[in-house]
PDB file of N, CA and C in Angstrom:
ATOM      1  N   GLY A   1       3.116  22.504  62.314  1.00  0.00           N
ATOM      2  CA  GLY A   1       3.909  22.988  61.443  1.00  0.00           C
ATOM      3  C   GLY A   1       5.290  22.895  61.533  1.00  0.00           C
ATOM      4  N   SER A   2       6.488  22.144  62.220  1.00  0.00           N
ATOM      5  CA  SER A   2       7.717  22.280  62.304  1.00  0.00           C
ATOM      6  C   SER A   2       8.248  20.998  61.588  1.00  0.00           C
ATOM      7  N   THR A   3       9.501  20.770  60.928  1.00  0.00           N
ATOM      8  CA  THR A   3      10.090  19.690  60.362  1.00  0.00           C
ATOM      9  C   THR A   3      10.747  18.853  61.498  1.00  0.00           C
ATOM     10  N   ALA A   4      11.179  17.780  61.188  1.00  0.00           N
ATOM     11  CA  ALA A   4      11.856  17.110  62.038  1.00  0.00           C
ATOM     12  C   ALA A   4      13.610  17.664  62.029  1.00  0.00           C
ATOM     13  N   SER A   5      13.968  18.249  60.895  1.00  0.00           N
ATOM     14  CA  SER A   5      15.287  18.905  60.986  1.00  0.00           C
ATOM     15  C   SER A   5      15.263  20.248  61.942  1.00  0.00           C
ATOM     16  N   GLU A   6      14.470  20.813  61.741  1.00  0.00           N
ATOM     17  CA  GLU A   6      14.122  22.058  62.485  1.00  0.00           C
ATOM     18  C   GLU A   6      14.242  21.881  64.344  1.00  0.00           C
ATOM     19  N   GLU A   7      13.724  20.943  64.640  1.00  0.00           N
ATOM     20  CA  GLU A   7      13.552  20.511  65.774  1.00  0.00           C
ATOM     21  C   GLU A   7      14.947  19.878  66.212  1.00  0.00           C
ATOM     22  N   SER A   8      15.750  19.178  65.341  1.00  0.00           N
ATOM     23  CA  SER A   8      16.970  18.598  65.797  1.00  0.00           C
ATOM     24  C   SER A   8      17.952  20.052  65.846  1.00  0.00           C
ATOM     25  N   GLN A   9      17.562  20.949  64.932  1.00  0.00           N
ATOM     26  CA  GLN A   9      18.464  22.363  65.180  1.00  0.00           C
ATOM     27  C   GLN A   9      18.336  22.863  66.490  1.00  0.00           C
ATOM     28  N   ARG A  10      17.083  23.083  66.682  1.00  0.00           N
ATOM     29  CA  ARG A  10      16.630  23.682  67.859  1.00  0.00           C
ATOM     30  C   ARG A  10      17.423  22.918  69.373  1.00  0.00           C
ATOM     31  N   LYS A  11      17.315  21.685  69.188  1.00  0.00           N
ATOM     32  CA  LYS A  11      17.910  20.975  70.248  1.00  0.00           C
ATOM     33  C   LYS A  11      19.525  20.830  70.558  1.00  0.00           C
ATOM     34  N   GLN A  12      20.201  21.189  69.283  1.00  0.00           N
ATOM     35  CA  GLN A  12      21.658  20.865  69.507  1.00  0.00           C
ATOM     36  C   GLN A  12      21.993  22.344  69.506  1.00  0.00           C
ATOM     37  N   LYS A  13      21.328  23.548  69.267  1.00  0.00           N
ATOM     38  CA  LYS A  13      21.588  24.766  69.435  1.00  0.00           C
ATOM     39  C   LYS A  13      21.982  25.081  70.935  1.00  0.00           C
ATOM     40  N   PRO A  14      23.204  25.438  71.058  1.00  0.00           N
ATOM     41  CA  PRO A  14      23.392  25.947  72.839  1.00  0.00           C
ATOM     42  C   PRO A  14      22.945  27.297  73.318  1.00  0.00           C
ATOM     43  N   ARG A  15      21.950  27.039  74.360  1.00  0.00           N
ATOM     44  CA  ARG A  15      21.573  28.328  74.983  1.00  0.00           C
ATOM     45  C   ARG A  15      22.644  29.288  75.613  1.00  0.00           C
ATOM     46  N   GLN A  16      22.089  30.692  75.092  1.00  0.00           N
ATOM     47  CA  GLN A  16      22.873  31.722  75.929  1.00  0.00           C
ATOM     48  C   GLN A  16      22.497  32.067  77.260  1.00  0.00           C
ATOM     49  N   GLN A  17      23.214  32.023  78.164  1.00  0.00           N
ATOM     50  CA  GLN A  17      22.981  32.735  79.313  1.00  0.00           C
ATOM     51  C   GLN A  17      22.544  34.403  79.581  1.00  0.00           C
ATOM     52  N   SER A  18      21.556  34.517  80.068  1.00  0.00           N
ATOM     53  CA  SER A  18      21.187  36.014  79.913  1.00  0.00           C
ATOM     54  C   SER A  18      22.033  36.642  81.188  1.00  0.00           C
ATOM     55  N   PRO A  19      22.686  37.856  81.051  1.00  0.00           N
ATOM     56  CA  PRO A  19      23.144  38.320  82.188  1.00  0.00           C
ATOM     57  C   PRO A  19      22.284  38.483  83.601  1.00  0.00           C
ATOM     58  N   GLU A  20      20.901  38.833  83.588  1.00  0.00           N
ATOM     59  CA  GLU A  20      20.030  39.194  84.556  1.00  0.00           C
ATOM     60  C   GLU A  20      19.602  38.066  85.097  1.00  0.00           C
ATOM     61  N   PHE A  21      19.619  36.789  84.285  1.00  0.00           N
ATOM     62  CA  PHE A  21      19.420  35.375  85.024  1.00  0.00           C
ATOM     63  C   PHE A  21      20.299  34.477  85.412  1.00  0.00           C
ATOM     64  N   PRO A  22      21.439  34.692  86.000  1.00  0.00           N
ATOM     65  CA  PRO A  22      22.491  33.819  85.862  1.00  0.00           C
ATOM     66  C   PRO A  22      22.258  32.152  86.174  1.00  0.00           C
ATOM     67  N   SER A  23      22.635  31.437  85.728  1.00  0.00           N
ATOM     68  CA  SER A  23      22.296  30.016  86.249  1.00  0.00           C
ATOM     69  C   SER A  23      22.695  29.528  87.730  1.00  0.00           C
ATOM     70  N   SER A  24      22.137  28.540  87.956  1.00  0.00           N
ATOM     71  CA  SER A  24      22.670  28.214  89.481  1.00  0.00           C
ATOM     72  C   SER A  24      23.899  27.872  89.543  1.00  0.00           C
ATOM     73  N   SER A  25      24.617  27.368  88.519  1.00  0.00           N
ATOM     74  CA  SER A  25      26.135  27.029  88.768  1.00  0.00           C
ATOM     75  C   SER A  25      27.190  28.432  88.974  1.00  0.00           C
ATOM     76  N   MET A  26      26.480  29.445  88.490  1.00  0.00           N
ATOM     77  CA  MET A  26      27.159  30.829  88.604  1.00  0.00           C
ATOM     78  C   MET A  26      27.186  31.507  89.768  1.00  0.00           C
ATOM     79  N   THR A  27      26.058  31.021  90.882  1.00  0.00           N
ATOM     80  CA  THR A  27      25.927  31.739  92.163  1.00  0.00           C
ATOM     81  C   THR A  27      25.704  30.599  92.942  1.00  0.00           C
ATOM     82  N   ASP A  28      25.785  31.147  94.413  1.00  0.00           N
ATOM     83  CA  ASP A  28      25.462  30.327  95.345  1.00  0.00           C
ATOM     84  C   ASP A  28      23.737  30.326  95.515  1.00  0.00           C
ATOM     85  N   PHE A  29      23.100  29.197  95.647  1.00  0.00           N
ATOM     86  CA  PHE A  29      21.582  29.378  95.613  1.00  0.00           C
ATOM     87  C   PHE A  29      21.064  28.288  96.694  1.00  0.00           C
ATOM     88  N   LYS A  30      20.267  28.879  97.505  1.00  0.00           N
ATOM     89  CA  LYS A  30      19.660  27.853  98.351  1.00  0.00           C
ATOM     90  C   LYS A  30      18.117  28.074  98.430  1.00  0.00           C
ATOM     91  N   GLN A  31      17.630  27.037  98.025  1.00  0.00           N
ATOM     92  CA  GLN A  31      16.067  26.811  97.924  1.00  0.00           C
ATOM     93  C   GLN A  31      15.370  27.276  98.947  1.00  0.00           C
ATOM     94  N   ASP A  32      14.235  28.181  99.053  1.00  0.00           N
ATOM     95  CA  ASP A  32      13.193  28.338 100.316  1.00  0.00           C
ATOM     96  C   ASP A  32      12.580  27.029 100.521  1.00  0.00           C
ATOM     97  N   MET A  33      12.822  26.419 101.550  1.00  0.00           N
ATOM     98  CA  MET A  33      11.845  25.498 101.913  1.00  0.00           C
ATOM     99  C   MET A  33      11.031  25.711 103.202  1.00  0.00           C
ATOM    100  N   PRO A  34       9.689  24.879 103.229  1.00  0.00           N
ATOM    101  CA  PRO A  34       8.938  25.042 104.424  1.00  0.00           C
ATOM    102  C   PRO A  34       9.575  24.766 105.589  1.00  0.00           C
ATOM    103  N   PRO A  35       9.007  25.231 106.435  1.00  0.00           N
ATOM    104  CA  PRO A  35       9.672  25.293 107.887  1.00  0.00           C
ATOM    105  C   PRO A  35       9.695  23.579 108.279  1.00  0.00           C
ATOM    106  N   PRO A  36      10.486  23.068 109.312  1.00  0.00           N
ATOM    107  CA  PRO A  36      10.500  21.786 109.554  1.00  0.00           C
ATOM    108  C   PRO A  36       8.949  21.226 110.445  1.00  0.00           C
ATOM    109  N   GLY A  37       8.282  20.274 109.954  1.00  0.00           N
ATOM    110  CA  GLY A  37       7.004  20.081 110.409  1.00  0.00           C
ATOM    111  C   GLY A  37       5.949  20.701 109.393  1.00  0.00           C
ATOM    112  N   GLY A  38       6.179  21.608 108.728  1.00  0.00           N
ATOM    113  CA  GLY A  38       5.144  21.961 107.759  1.00  0.00           C
ATOM    114  C   GLY A  38       4.641  23.541 108.148  1.00  0.00           C
ATOM    115  N   PHE A  39       3.768  23.972 107.335  1.00  0.00           N
ATOM    116  CA  PHE A  39       3.202  25.146 107.731  1.00  0.00           C
ATOM    117  C   PHE A  39       1.889  24.926 108.513  1.00  0.00           C
ATOM    118  N   PRO A  40       1.799  25.879 109.743  1.00  0.00           N
ATOM    119  CA  PRO A  40       0.603  25.656 110.352  1.00  0.00           C
ATOM    120  C   PRO A  40      -0.714  25.609 109.266  1.00  0.00           C
ATOM    121  N   LYS A  41      -1.760  24.915 109.925  1.00  0.00           N
ATOM    122  CA  LYS A  41      -3.121  24.763 109.028  1.00  0.00           C
ATOM    123  C   LYS A  41      -3.788  25.983 108.855  1.00  0.00           C
ATOM    124  N   VAL A  42      -4.451  26.373 107.915  1.00  0.00           N
ATOM    125  CA  VAL A  42      -4.979  27.387 107.153  1.00  0.00           C
ATOM    126  C   VAL A  42      -6.272  27.430 108.126  1.00  0.00           C
ATOM    127  N   ARG A  43      -6.583  28.729 108.585  1.00  0.00           N
ATOM    128  CA  ARG A  43      -8.434  28.661 109.146  1.00  0.00           C
ATOM    129  C   ARG A  43      -9.085  29.116 108.186  1.00  0.00           C
ATOM    130  N   TRP A  44      -9.809  28.409 107.345  1.00  0.00           N
ATOM    131  CA  TRP A  44     -10.582  28.654 106.436  1.00  0.00           C
ATOM    132  C   TRP A  44     -12.107  28.974 106.785  1.00  0.00           C
ATOM    133  N   LYS A  45     -12.654  28.396 108.059  1.00  0.00           N
ATOM    134  CA  LYS A  45     -13.910  28.835 108.304  1.00  0.00           C
ATOM    135  C   LYS A  45     -13.799  30.279 108.825  1.00  0.00           C
ATOM    136  N   ARG A  46     -15.109  30.701 108.570  1.00  0.00           N
ATOM    137  CA  ARG A  46     -15.377  32.179 109.312  1.00  0.00           C
ATOM    138  C   ARG A  46     -15.706  32.129 110.784  1.00  0.00           C
ATOM    139  N   ASN A  47     -15.143  32.556 111.865  1.00  0.00           N
ATOM    140  CA  ASN A  47     -15.594  32.530 113.251  1.00  0.00           C
ATOM    141  C   ASN A  47     -16.675  33.828 113.164  1.00  0.00           C
ATOM    142  N   ILE A  48     -17.935  33.695 112.967  1.00  0.00           N
ATOM    143  CA  ILE A  48     -18.749  34.631 113.195  1.00  0.00           C
ATOM    144  C   ILE A  48     -19.473  34.187 114.303  1.00  0.00           C
ATOM    145  N   PRO A  49     -19.894  34.916 115.405  1.00  0.00           N
ATOM    146  CA  PRO A  49     -20.721  34.633 116.569  1.00  0.00           C
ATOM    147  C   PRO A  49     -22.322  34.660 116.272  1.00  0.00           C
ATOM    148  N   LYS A  50     -23.023  33.883 116.838  1.00  0.00           N
ATOM    149  CA  LYS A  50     -24.033  33.304 116.629  1.00  0.00           C
ATOM    150  C   LYS A  50     -24.924  34.785 116.641  1.00  0.00           C
ATOM    151  N   SER A  51     -26.034  35.118 116.096  1.00  0.00           N
ATOM    152  CA  SER A  51     -26.839  36.253 116.014  1.00  0.00           C
ATOM    153  C   SER A  51     -27.846  36.190 117.080  1.00  0.00           C
ATOM    154  N   ARG A  52     -28.334  37.266 117.942  1.00  0.00           N
ATOM    155  CA  ARG A  52     -28.963  37.233 118.798  1.00  0.00           C
ATOM    156  C   ARG A  52     -30.726  37.317 118.074  1.00  0.00           C
ATOM    157  N   PHE A  53     -30.719  37.612 116.804  1.00  0.00           N
ATOM    158  CA  PHE A  53     -32.092  37.780 116.117  1.00  0.00           C
ATOM    159  C   PHE A  53     -32.084  36.758 114.727  1.00  0.00           C
ATOM    160  N   ASN A  54     -32.895  36.121 114.627  1.00  0.00           N
ATOM    161  CA  ASN A  54     -33.103  35.395 113.679  1.00  0.00           C
ATOM    162  C   ASN A  54     -34.205  35.752 112.558  1.00  0.00           C
ATOM    163  N   GLY A  55     -34.342  35.266 111.312  1.00  0.00           N
ATOM    164  CA  GLY A  55     -35.006  35.792 110.214  1.00  0.00           C
ATOM    165  C   GLY A  55     -36.380  36.398 110.698  1.00  0.00           C
ATOM    166  N   PRO A  56     -37.059  35.312 110.906  1.00  0.00           N
ATOM    167  CA  PRO A  56     -38.680  35.818 111.548  1.00  0.00           C
ATOM    168  C   PRO A  56     -38.682  37.189 112.487  1.00  0.00           C
ATOM    169  N   MET A  57     -37.790  37.091 113.478  1.00  0.00           N
ATOM    170  CA  MET A  57     -37.728  38.099 114.572  1.00  0.00           C
ATOM    171  C   MET A  57     -37.428  39.457 113.651  1.00  0.00           C
ATOM    172  N   ILE A  58     -36.560  39.362 113.005  1.00  0.00           N
ATOM    173  CA  ILE A  58     -36.068  40.681 112.039  1.00  0.00           C
ATOM    174  C   ILE A  58     -37.374  40.950 111.122  1.00  0.00           C
ATOM    175  N   TYR A  59     -37.941  40.236 110.406  1.00  0.00           N
ATOM    176  CA  TYR A  59     -39.307  40.479 109.750  1.00  0.00           C
ATOM    177  C   TYR A  59     -40.212  41.107 110.466  1.00  0.00           C
ATOM    178  N   ALA A  60     -40.613  40.367 111.766  1.00  0.00           N
ATOM    179  CA  ALA A  60     -41.533  40.634 112.507  1.00  0.00           C
ATOM    180  C   ALA A  60     -41.431  42.338 112.909  1.00  0.00           C
ATOM    181  N   GLY A  61     -39.988  42.609 113.371  1.00  0.00           N
ATOM    182  CA  GLY A  61     -39.688  44.060 114.113  1.00  0.00           C
ATOM    183  C   GLY A  61     -40.009  44.929 112.700  1.00  0.00           C
ATOM    184  N   PHE A  62     -39.559  44.512 111.585  1.00  0.00           N
ATOM    185  CA  PHE A  62     -39.483  45.717 110.470  1.00  0.00           C
ATOM    186  C   PHE A  62     -41.151  45.870 110.072  1.00  0.00           C
ATOM    187  N   PHE A  63     -42.019  44.569 110.171  1.00  0.00           N
ATOM    188  CA  PHE A  63     -43.368  45.025 109.820  1.00  0.00           C
ATOM    189  C   PHE A  63     -44.121  45.854 110.966  1.00  0.00           C
ATOM    190  N   ALA A  64     -43.347  45.560 112.193  1.00  0.00           N
ATOM    191  CA  ALA A  64     -44.056  46.318 113.369  1.00  0.00           C
ATOM    192  C   ALA A  64     -44.084  47.936 112.984  1.00  0.00           C
ATOM    193  N   ILE A  65     -42.576  48.177 112.942  1.00  0.00           N
ATOM    194  CA  ILE A  65     -42.250  49.378 112.865  1.00  0.00           C
ATOM    195  C   ILE A  65     -42.883  50.091 111.808  1.00  0.00           C
ATOM    196  N   THR A  66     -43.035  49.496 110.397  1.00  0.00           N
ATOM    197  CA  THR A  66     -43.539  49.888 109.332  1.00  0.00           C
ATOM    198  C   THR A  66     -45.048  50.043 109.683  1.00  0.00           C
ATOM    199  N   GLY A  67     -45.649  49.297 110.344  1.00  0.00           N
ATOM    200  CA  GLY A  67     -46.930  49.204 110.546  1.00  0.00           C
ATOM    201  C   GLY A  67     -47.598  50.527 111.389  1.00  0.00           C
ATOM    202  N   TYR A  68     -46.698  50.608 112.455  1.00  0.00           N
ATOM    203  CA  TYR A  68     -47.000  51.539 113.564  1.00  0.00           C
ATOM    204  C   TYR A  68     -46.625  53.273 112.798  1.00  0.00           C
ATOM    205  N   GLY A  69     -45.404  52.861 111.820  1.00  0.00           N
ATOM    206  CA  GLY A  69     -45.463  54.484 111.055  1.00  0.00           C
ATOM    207  C   GLY A  69     -46.607  54.892 110.032  1.00  0.00           C
ATOM    208  N   LEU A  70     -47.446  53.971 109.419  1.00  0.00           N
ATOM    209  CA  LEU A  70     -48.210  53.851 108.573  1.00  0.00           C
ATOM    210  C   LEU A  70     -49.589  54.274 109.488  1.00  0.00           C
ATOM    211  N   TRP A  71     -49.801  53.821 110.706  1.00  0.00           N
ATOM    212  CA  TRP A  71     -50.729  53.924 111.834  1.00  0.00           C
ATOM    213  C   TRP A  71     -50.870  55.511 111.916  1.00  0.00           C
ATOM    214  N   ARG A  72     -49.661  55.952 112.106  1.00  0.00           N
ATOM    215  CA  ARG A  72     -49.033  57.692 112.473  1.00  0.00           C
ATOM    216  C   ARG A  72     -49.814  58.158 111.427  1.00  0.00           C
ATOM    217  N   VAL A  73     -48.956  57.984 110.099  1.00  0.00           N
ATOM    218  CA  VAL A  73     -49.513  58.797 109.236  1.00  0.00           C
ATOM    219  C   VAL A  73     -50.930  58.986 108.622  1.00  0.00           C
ATOM    220  N   VAL A  74     -51.866  57.482 108.791  1.00  0.00           N
ATOM    221  CA  VAL A  74     -53.076  57.632 108.610  1.00  0.00           C
ATOM    222  C   VAL A  74     -53.759  58.853 109.443  1.00  0.00           C
ATOM    223  N   THR A  75     -53.745  58.228 111.094  1.00  0.00           N
ATOM    224  CA  THR A  75     -54.358  59.062 111.979  1.00  0.00           C
ATOM    225  C   THR A  75     -53.975  60.563 111.969  1.00  0.00           C
ATOM    226  N   GLY A  76     -52.730  60.819 111.309  1.00  0.00           N
ATOM    227  CA  GLY A  76     -52.359  62.250 111.147  1.00  0.00           C
ATOM    228  C   GLY A  76     -53.057  62.939 110.050  1.00  0.00           C
ATOM    229  N   ASN A  77     -53.124  62.126 109.030  1.00  0.00           N
ATOM    230  CA  ASN A  77     -54.310  62.680 107.868  1.00  0.00           C
ATOM    231  C   ASN A  77     -55.639  62.754 108.224  1.00  0.00           C
ATOM    232  N   ARG A  78     -55.765  61.829 108.909  1.00  0.00           N
ATOM    233  CA  ARG A  78     -57.328  62.183 109.341  1.00  0.00           C
ATOM    234  C   ARG A  78     -57.644  63.228 110.284  1.00  0.00           C
ATOM    235  N   ALA A  79     -56.718  63.485 111.214  1.00  0.00           N
ATOM    236  CA  ALA A  79     -56.798  64.673 112.069  1.00  0.00           C
ATOM    237  C   ALA A  79     -56.608  65.931 111.267  1.00  0.00           C
ATOM    238  N   GLU A  80     -55.589  65.800 110.064  1.00  0.00           N
ATOM    239  CA  GLU A  80     -55.808  67.077 109.562  1.00  0.00           C
ATOM    240  C   GLU A  80     -57.144  67.471 108.922  1.00  0.00           C
ATOM    241  N   THR A  81     -57.474  66.339 108.334  1.00  0.00           N
ATOM    242  CA  THR A  81     -58.659  66.517 107.339  1.00  0.00           C
ATOM    243  C   THR A  81     -59.842  67.266 108.197  1.00  0.00           C
ATOM    244  N   ILE A  82     -59.675  66.819 109.502  1.00  0.00           N
ATOM    245  CA  ILE A  82     -61.029  67.284 110.576  1.00  0.00           C
ATOM    246  C   ILE A  82     -60.693  68.436 110.733  1.00  0.00           C
ATOM    247  N   LYS A  83     -59.306  68.985 110.681  1.00  0.00           N
ATOM    248  CA  LYS A  83     -58.990  70.522 111.263  1.00  0.00           C
ATOM    249  C   LYS A  83     -59.389  71.315 109.854  1.00  0.00           C
ATOM    250  N   ARG A  84     -59.190  70.879 108.672  1.00  0.00           N
ATOM    251  CA  ARG A  84     -59.390  71.702 107.545  1.00  0.00           C
ATOM    252  C   ARG A  84     -60.889  71.670 107.339  1.00  0.00           C
ATOM    253  N   LYS A  85     -61.730  70.857 107.850  1.00  0.00           N
ATOM    254  CA  LYS A  85     -63.259  70.955 107.420  1.00  0.00           C
ATOM    255  C   LYS A  85     -63.589  71.744 108.612  1.00  0.00           C
ATOM    256  N   GLN A  86     -63.254  71.802 109.768  1.00  0.00           N
ATOM    257  CA  GLN A  86     -63.403  72.974 110.968  1.00  0.00           C
ATOM    258  C   GLN A  86     -63.109  74.376 110.327  1.00  0.00           C
ATOM    259  N   ILE A  87     -61.938  74.585 109.934  1.00  0.00           N
ATOM    260  CA  ILE A  87     -61.722  75.851 109.140  1.00  0.00           C
ATOM    261  C   ILE A  87     -62.463  76.299 108.153  1.00  0.00           C
ATOM    262  N   CYS A  88     -63.018  75.316 107.127  1.00  0.00           N
ATOM    263  CA  CYS A  88     -63.965  75.738 106.023  1.00  0.00           C
ATOM    264  C   CYS A  88     -65.160  76.128 106.717  1.00  0.00           C
ATOM    265  N   GLU A  89     -65.478  75.295 107.655  1.00  0.00           N
ATOM    266  CA  GLU A  89     -66.857  75.654 108.221  1.00  0.00           C
ATOM    267  C   GLU A  89     -67.079  77.196 109.140  1.00  0.00           C
ATOM    268  N   GLU A  90     -65.635  77.273 109.725  1.00  0.00           N
ATOM    269  CA  GLU A  90     -65.734  78.608 110.134  1.00  0.00           C
ATOM    270  C   GLU A  90     -65.725  79.787 109.363  1.00  0.00           C
ATOM    271  N   ARG A  91     -65.027  79.618 108.329  1.00  0.00           N
ATOM    272  CA  ARG A  91     -65.051  80.567 107.146  1.00  0.00           C
ATOM    273  C   ARG A  91     -66.565  81.040 106.754  1.00  0.00           C
ATOM    274  N   THR A  92     -67.114  79.895 106.444  1.00  0.00           N
ATOM    275  CA  THR A  92     -68.545  79.651 105.887  1.00  0.00           C
ATOM    276  C   THR A  92     -69.250  80.504 106.669  1.00  0.00           C
ATOM    277  N   ARG A  93     -69.140  80.130 108.225  1.00  0.00           N
ATOM    278  CA  ARG A  93     -70.026  81.018 109.349  1.00  0.00           C
ATOM    279  C   ARG A  93     -69.745  82.492 109.102  1.00  0.00           C
ATOM    280  N   ARG A  94     -68.240  82.810 109.143  1.00  0.00           N
ATOM    281  CA  ARG A  94     -68.013  84.203 108.866  1.00  0.00           C
ATOM    282  C   ARG A  94     -68.562  84.900 107.748  1.00  0.00           C
ATOM    283  N   LEU A  95     -68.182  84.066 106.738  1.00  0.00           N
ATOM    284  CA  LEU A  95     -68.921  84.626 105.280  1.00  0.00           C
ATOM    285  C   LEU A  95     -70.575  85.000 105.684  1.00  0.00           C
ATOM    286  N   GLU A  96     -71.194  84.021 106.107  1.00  0.00           N
ATOM    287  CA  GLU A  96     -72.691  84.053 106.199  1.00  0.00           C
ATOM    288  C   GLU A  96     -72.936  85.579 106.947  1.00  0.00           C
ATOM    289  N   ASP A  97     -71.974  85.554 108.066  1.00  0.00           N
ATOM    290  CA  ASP A  97     -72.357  86.915 109.003  1.00  0.00           C
ATOM    291  C   ASP A  97     -72.145  87.903 108.172  1.00  0.00           C
ATOM    292  N   LEU A  98     -70.997  88.095 107.377  1.00  0.00           N
ATOM    293  CA  LEU A  98     -70.616  89.313 106.740  1.00  0.00           C
ATOM    294  C   LEU A  98     -71.547  89.488 105.608  1.00  0.00           C
ATOM    295  N   GLN A  99     -72.011  88.469 105.080  1.00  0.00           N
ATOM    296  CA  GLN A  99     -73.017  88.741 104.022  1.00  0.00           C
ATOM    297  C   GLN A  99     -74.360  89.012 104.668  1.00  0.00           C
ATOM    298  N   ARG A 100     -74.813  88.696 105.775  1.00  0.00           N
ATOM    299  CA  ARG A 100     -76.072  89.119 106.373  1.00  0.00           C
ATOM    300  C   ARG A 100     -75.763  90.877 106.597  1.00  0.00           C
ATOM    301  N   LYS A 101     -74.695  91.036 107.250  1.00  0.00           N
ATOM    302  CA  LYS A 101     -74.559  92.689 107.487  1.00  0.00           C
ATOM    303  C   LYS A 101     -74.468  93.346 106.319  1.00  0.00           C
ATOM    304  N   GLU A 102     -73.927  93.019 105.139  1.00  0.00           N
ATOM    305  CA  GLU A 102     -73.778  93.574 104.042  1.00  0.00           C
ATOM    306  C   GLU A 102     -75.150  93.864 103.385  1.00  0.00           C
ATOM    307  N   ASN A 103     -75.937  92.646 103.761  1.00  0.00           N
ATOM    308  CA  ASN A 103     -77.322  93.043 103.047  1.00  0.00           C
ATOM    309  C   ASN A 103     -78.318  93.679 103.756  1.00  0.00           C
ATOM    310  N   VAL A 104     -78.154  93.700 105.036  1.00  0.00           N
ATOM    311  CA  VAL A 104     -78.669  94.467 106.149  1.00  0.00           C
ATOM    312  C   VAL A 104     -78.208  96.240 105.463  1.00  0.00           C
ATOM    313  N   LYS A 105     -77.134  96.565 105.384  1.00  0.00           N
ATOM    314  CA  LYS A 105     -76.478  97.726 105.089  1.00  0.00           C
ATOM    315  C   LYS A 105     -77.114  98.135 103.569  1.00  0.00           C
ATOM    316  N   THR A 106     -77.265  97.413 102.581  1.00  0.00           N
ATOM    317  CA  THR A 106     -77.878  97.524 101.391  1.00  0.00           C
ATOM    318  C   THR A 106     -79.170  97.736 101.463  1.00  0.00           C
ATOM    319  N   PHE A 107     -80.079  96.899 102.081  1.00  0.00           N
ATOM    320  CA  PHE A 107     -81.376  97.326 102.319  1.00  0.00           C
ATOM    321  C   PHE A 107     -82.000  98.650 102.989  1.00  0.00           C
ATOM    322  N   LEU A 108     -80.928  99.189 104.121  1.00  0.00           N
ATOM    323  CA  LEU A 108     -81.265 100.178 104.622  1.00  0.00           C
ATOM    324  C   LEU A 108     -80.912 101.299 103.715  1.00  0.00           C
ATOM    325  N   LYS A 109     -79.834 101.355 102.606  1.00  0.00           N
ATOM    326  CA  LYS A 109     -79.805 102.208 101.674  1.00  0.00           C
ATOM    327  C   LYS A 109     -80.951 102.513 100.470  1.00  0.00           C
ATOM    328  N   VAL A 110     -81.234 101.222 100.038  1.00  0.00           N
ATOM    329  CA  VAL A 110     -82.098 101.087  99.332  1.00  0.00           C
ATOM    330  C   VAL A 110     -83.676 101.814  99.887  1.00  0.00           C
ATOM    331  N   ARG A 111     -83.656 101.383 100.983  1.00  0.00           N
ATOM    332  CA  ARG A 111     -84.887 101.806 101.665  1.00  0.00           C
ATOM    333  C   ARG A 111     -84.740 103.740 102.051  1.00  0.00           C
ATOM    334  N   GLU A 112     -83.669 104.126 102.424  1.00  0.00           N
ATOM    335  CA  GLU A 112     -83.312 105.525 102.431  1.00  0.00           C
ATOM    336  C   GLU A 112     -83.689 106.132 101.323  1.00  0.00           C
ATOM    337  N   ILE A 113     -83.179 105.516 100.162  1.00  0.00           N
ATOM    338  CA  ILE A 113     -83.367 105.935  98.793  1.00  0.00           C
ATOM    339  C   ILE A 113     -84.803 106.207  98.411  1.00  0.00           C
ATOM    340  N   LEU A 114     -85.530 104.980  98.612  1.00  0.00           N
ATOM    341  CA  LEU A 114     -86.989 105.075  98.308  1.00  0.00           C
ATOM    342  C   LEU A 114     -87.675 105.893  99.169  1.00  0.00           C
ATOM    343  N   ASP A 115     -87.531 105.924 100.513  1.00  0.00           N
ATOM    344  CA  ASP A 115     -88.270 106.903 101.362  1.00  0.00           C
ATOM    345  C   ASP A 115     -88.171 108.175 100.939  1.00  0.00           C
ATOM    346  N   ALA A 116     -86.888 108.679 100.617  1.00  0.00           N
ATOM    347  CA  ALA A 116     -86.630 109.868 100.220  1.00  0.00           C
ATOM    348  C   ALA A 116     -87.169 110.311  98.736  1.00  0.00           C
ATOM    349  N   ASP A 117     -87.452 109.213  98.008  1.00  0.00           N
ATOM    350  CA  ASP A 117     -88.292 109.460  96.481  1.00  0.00           C
ATOM    351  C   ASP A 117     -89.565 109.614  96.752  1.00  0.00           C
ATOM    352  N   PHE A 118     -90.027 108.851  97.911  1.00  0.00           N
ATOM    353  CA  PHE A 118     -91.618 108.715  97.837  1.00  0.00           C
ATOM    354  C   PHE A 118     -92.126 109.967  98.847  1.00  0.00           C
ATOM    355  N   SER A 119     -90.935 110.662  99.544  1.00  0.00           N
ATOM    356  CA  SER A 119     -91.295 111.750 100.590  1.00  0.00           C
ATOM    357  C   SER A 119     -91.398 113.182  99.789  1.00  0.00           C
ATOM    358  N   LYS A 120     -90.898 112.969  98.564  1.00  0.00           N
ATOM    359  CA  LYS A 120     -91.102 114.323  97.498  1.00  0.00           C
ATOM    360  C   LYS A 120     -92.588 114.515  97.370  1.00  0.00           C
ATOM    361  N   PRO A 121     -92.789 115.836  97.149  1.00  0.00           N
ATOM    362  CA  PRO A 121     -94.134 116.530  96.813  1.00  0.00           C
ATOM    363  C   PRO A 121     -94.539 115.616  95.591  1.00  0.00           C
ATOM    364  N   GLY A 122     -95.566 115.165  95.447  1.00  0.00           N
ATOM    365  CA  GLY A 122     -96.039 114.393  94.273  1.00  0.00           C
ATOM    366  C   GLY A 122     -96.026 112.783  94.637  1.00  0.00           C
ATOM    367  N   GLY A 123     -95.253 112.590  95.120  1.00  0.00           N
ATOM    368  CA  GLY A 123     -94.980 111.212  95.709  1.00  0.00           C
ATOM    369  C   GLY A 123     -94.779 110.184  94.680  1.00  0.00           C
ATOM    370  N   GLU A 124     -94.230 110.792  93.343  1.00  0.00           N
ATOM    371  CA  GLU A 124     -93.965 109.629  92.421  1.00  0.00           C
ATOM    372  C   GLU A 124     -92.580 108.953  92.507  1.00  0.00           C
ATOM    373  N   HIS A 125     -92.392 107.755  91.937  1.00  0.00           N
ATOM    374  CA  HIS A 125     -91.366 107.182  92.003  1.00  0.00           C
ATOM    375  C   HIS A 125     -90.412 107.125  90.659  1.00  0.00           C
ATOM    376  N   HIS A 126     -89.421 107.759  90.524  1.00  0.00           N
ATOM    377  CA  HIS A 126     -88.771 107.739  89.081  1.00  0.00           C
ATOM    378  C   HIS A 126     -87.972 106.719  88.725  1.00  0.00           C
TER     379      HIS A 126
END
């Protein structure tokens, strides 16, 4: 976009100095230079100590601990199942005993009623 005459006007136009940024001729200026002999070398490599455990050892430990935990869960679940079965069997035995006692009481009451009816004069059952 610009024509040759615009470019020549820009080149000829004197620049105005900004008060915030005075030119080097207006101030004493010393450029910051590197120290004699140059800067020390940059250590770019990471200095990490060698690990005591390698990948397969970590995986083996993970699977061993997980396997032990699962074994404990399974054995605990089995023990809990056995315990629940024992409790249910005990309840069933107790219920059978209670029902047997209740049956005997009922039988004795019915027998008492029937004996009372048959012992009446006439011996008829209503």
